[in-house]
Amino acid sequence: MRPPRFLRFYLVTGLLTGVFLAYLDPSPAPVLGASTAITGLLSAFATYFPKGHLLIFPIPIPIQARWLALGFGLISLVLFLLDPEAGGGISHLGHLLGLGIGYLYLLLERSLRL
């Protein structure tokens, strides 16, 4: 992605996820941070480079981007189901929405050729 497209993707993913979280998040605490847009970027990387290898610090074992995105989504789903009100201060629903909205944005962009 070139800078203008990257910025548009990042901002739309983060803002749209924030709007959905405002209506869907059962947590009474406000949500603040960039992790929703960053998980959208993980979704984009896994879409464009599914067999690309990533290293997660401090574990020196390479993992394919598609498995990392799927694993992260699965862990976020389980943690959200175990603690929907985000008692740990992490919006697992936000991470799930970021992954999904990032992927859907790319599908829509591809079909509309933006």
Protein backbone atom coordinates (compact mmCIF):
# COMPACT_ATOMS: atom_id res chain seq x y z
CA MET A 1 0.00 0.00 0.00
CA ARG A 2 1.23 3.44 -0.78
CA PRO A 3 0.96 6.10 1.97
CA PRO A 4 -2.43 7.64 0.98
CA ARG A 5 -4.11 4.24 0.68
CA PHE A 6 -2.47 3.01 3.89
CA LEU A 7 -3.64 6.09 5.79
CA ARG A 8 -7.18 5.72 4.45
CA PHE A 9 -7.26 2.03 5.38
CA TYR A 10 -5.85 2.67 8.86
CA LEU A 11 -8.21 5.56 9.66
CA VAL A 12 -11.34 3.95 8.23
CA THR A 13 -10.64 0.67 10.03
CA GLY A 14 -9.96 2.38 13.36
CA LEU A 15 -12.86 4.83 13.17
CA LEU A 16 -15.41 2.32 11.90
CA THR A 17 -14.41 -0.17 14.57
CA GLY A 18 -14.76 2.59 17.17
CA VAL A 19 -18.29 3.34 15.98
CA PHE A 20 -19.26 -0.33 16.17
CA LEU A 21 -17.68 -0.64 19.60
CA ALA A 22 -19.68 2.34 20.85
CA TYR A 23 -22.87 0.40 20.16
CA LEU A 24 -21.83 -3.22 20.66
CA ASP A 25 -19.32 -3.25 23.52
CA PRO A 26 -20.91 -4.46 26.77
CA SER A 27 -18.09 -2.99 28.84
CA PRO A 28 -18.96 0.09 30.90
CA ALA A 29 -15.41 1.42 30.46
CA PRO A 30 -14.55 3.65 27.50
CA VAL A 31 -12.28 2.19 24.82
CA LEU A 32 -9.18 4.10 23.80
CA GLY A 33 -6.25 3.04 21.66
CA ALA A 34 -5.06 2.11 18.22
CA SER A 35 -5.18 -1.66 18.61
CA THR A 36 -8.36 -1.97 16.53
CA ALA A 37 -6.68 -0.33 13.53
CA ILE A 38 -3.50 -2.34 14.12
CA THR A 39 -5.43 -5.62 14.10
CA GLY A 40 -6.98 -4.38 10.86
CA LEU A 41 -3.43 -4.08 9.52
CA LEU A 42 -2.75 -7.64 10.64
CA SER A 43 -5.79 -8.69 8.65
CA ALA A 44 -4.50 -6.80 5.59
CA PHE A 45 -1.03 -8.33 5.89
CA ALA A 46 -2.53 -11.82 6.21
CA THR A 47 -4.71 -11.14 3.16
CA TYR A 48 -1.90 -9.88 0.93
CA PHE A 49 0.86 -12.14 2.23
CA PRO A 50 -0.82 -15.22 3.75
CA LYS A 51 2.37 -17.29 3.65
CA GLY A 52 4.59 -14.43 4.81
CA HIS A 53 6.45 -15.30 7.98
CA LEU A 54 6.41 -13.16 11.11
CA LEU A 55 8.33 -13.44 14.35
CA ILE A 56 6.59 -12.58 17.58
CA PHE A 57 8.95 -11.19 20.19
CA PRO A 58 10.38 -12.91 22.27
CA ILE A 59 9.47 -16.25 20.62
CA PRO A 60 11.97 -16.86 17.79
CA ILE A 61 9.67 -19.21 15.85
CA PRO A 62 8.39 -17.92 12.49
CA ILE A 63 4.64 -18.18 11.92
CA GLN A 64 2.71 -17.62 8.72
CA ALA A 65 0.63 -14.44 8.69
CA ARG A 66 -2.63 -16.27 8.00
CA TRP A 67 -2.17 -18.53 11.03
CA LEU A 68 -1.18 -15.61 13.21
CA ALA A 69 -4.32 -13.66 12.21
CA LEU A 70 -6.58 -16.68 12.67
CA GLY A 71 -4.95 -17.59 15.99
CA PHE A 72 -5.15 -14.03 17.26
CA GLY A 73 -8.80 -13.86 16.24
CA LEU A 74 -9.58 -17.16 17.94
CA ILE A 75 -7.81 -16.12 21.15
CA SER A 76 -9.65 -12.78 21.11
CA LEU A 77 -12.97 -14.56 20.61
CA VAL A 78 -12.35 -16.95 23.51
CA LEU A 79 -11.19 -14.16 25.81
CA PHE A 80 -14.20 -12.03 24.87
CA LEU A 81 -16.58 -14.90 25.58
CA LEU A 82 -14.89 -15.52 28.94
CA ASP A 83 -14.91 -11.86 29.96
CA PRO A 84 -17.29 -9.76 27.79
CA GLU A 85 -16.97 -6.70 30.02
CA ALA A 86 -13.18 -6.48 29.50
CA GLY A 87 -12.28 -6.76 33.14
CA GLY A 88 -8.62 -6.93 32.18
CA GLY A 89 -8.73 -3.56 30.43
CA ILE A 90 -8.35 -5.06 26.94
CA SER A 91 -11.14 -4.80 24.38
CA HIS A 92 -11.12 -8.26 22.85
CA LEU A 93 -14.29 -7.37 20.95
CA GLY A 94 -12.40 -4.40 19.50
CA HIS A 95 -9.64 -6.71 18.28
CA LEU A 96 -12.17 -9.03 16.68
CA LEU A 97 -13.97 -6.14 15.01
CA GLY A 98 -10.66 -4.69 13.82
CA LEU A 99 -9.73 -7.97 12.14
CA GLY A 100 -13.15 -8.33 10.55
CA ILE A 101 -13.60 -4.74 9.44
CA GLY A 102 -10.08 -4.64 8.01
CA TYR A 103 -10.78 -7.76 5.97
CA LEU A 104 -14.20 -6.54 4.83
CA TYR A 105 -12.71 -3.17 3.86
CA LEU A 106 -10.19 -4.93 1.62
CA LEU A 107 -12.93 -7.03 0.01
CA LEU A 108 -15.05 -3.94 -0.61
CA GLU A 109 -12.05 -2.01 -1.92
CA ARG A 110 -11.18 -4.83 -4.27
CA SER A 111 -14.73 -5.13 -5.62
CA LEU A 112 -15.09 -1.35 -6.07
CA ARG A 113 -11.46 -0.89 -7.16
CA LEU A 114 -10.87 2.15 -4.93
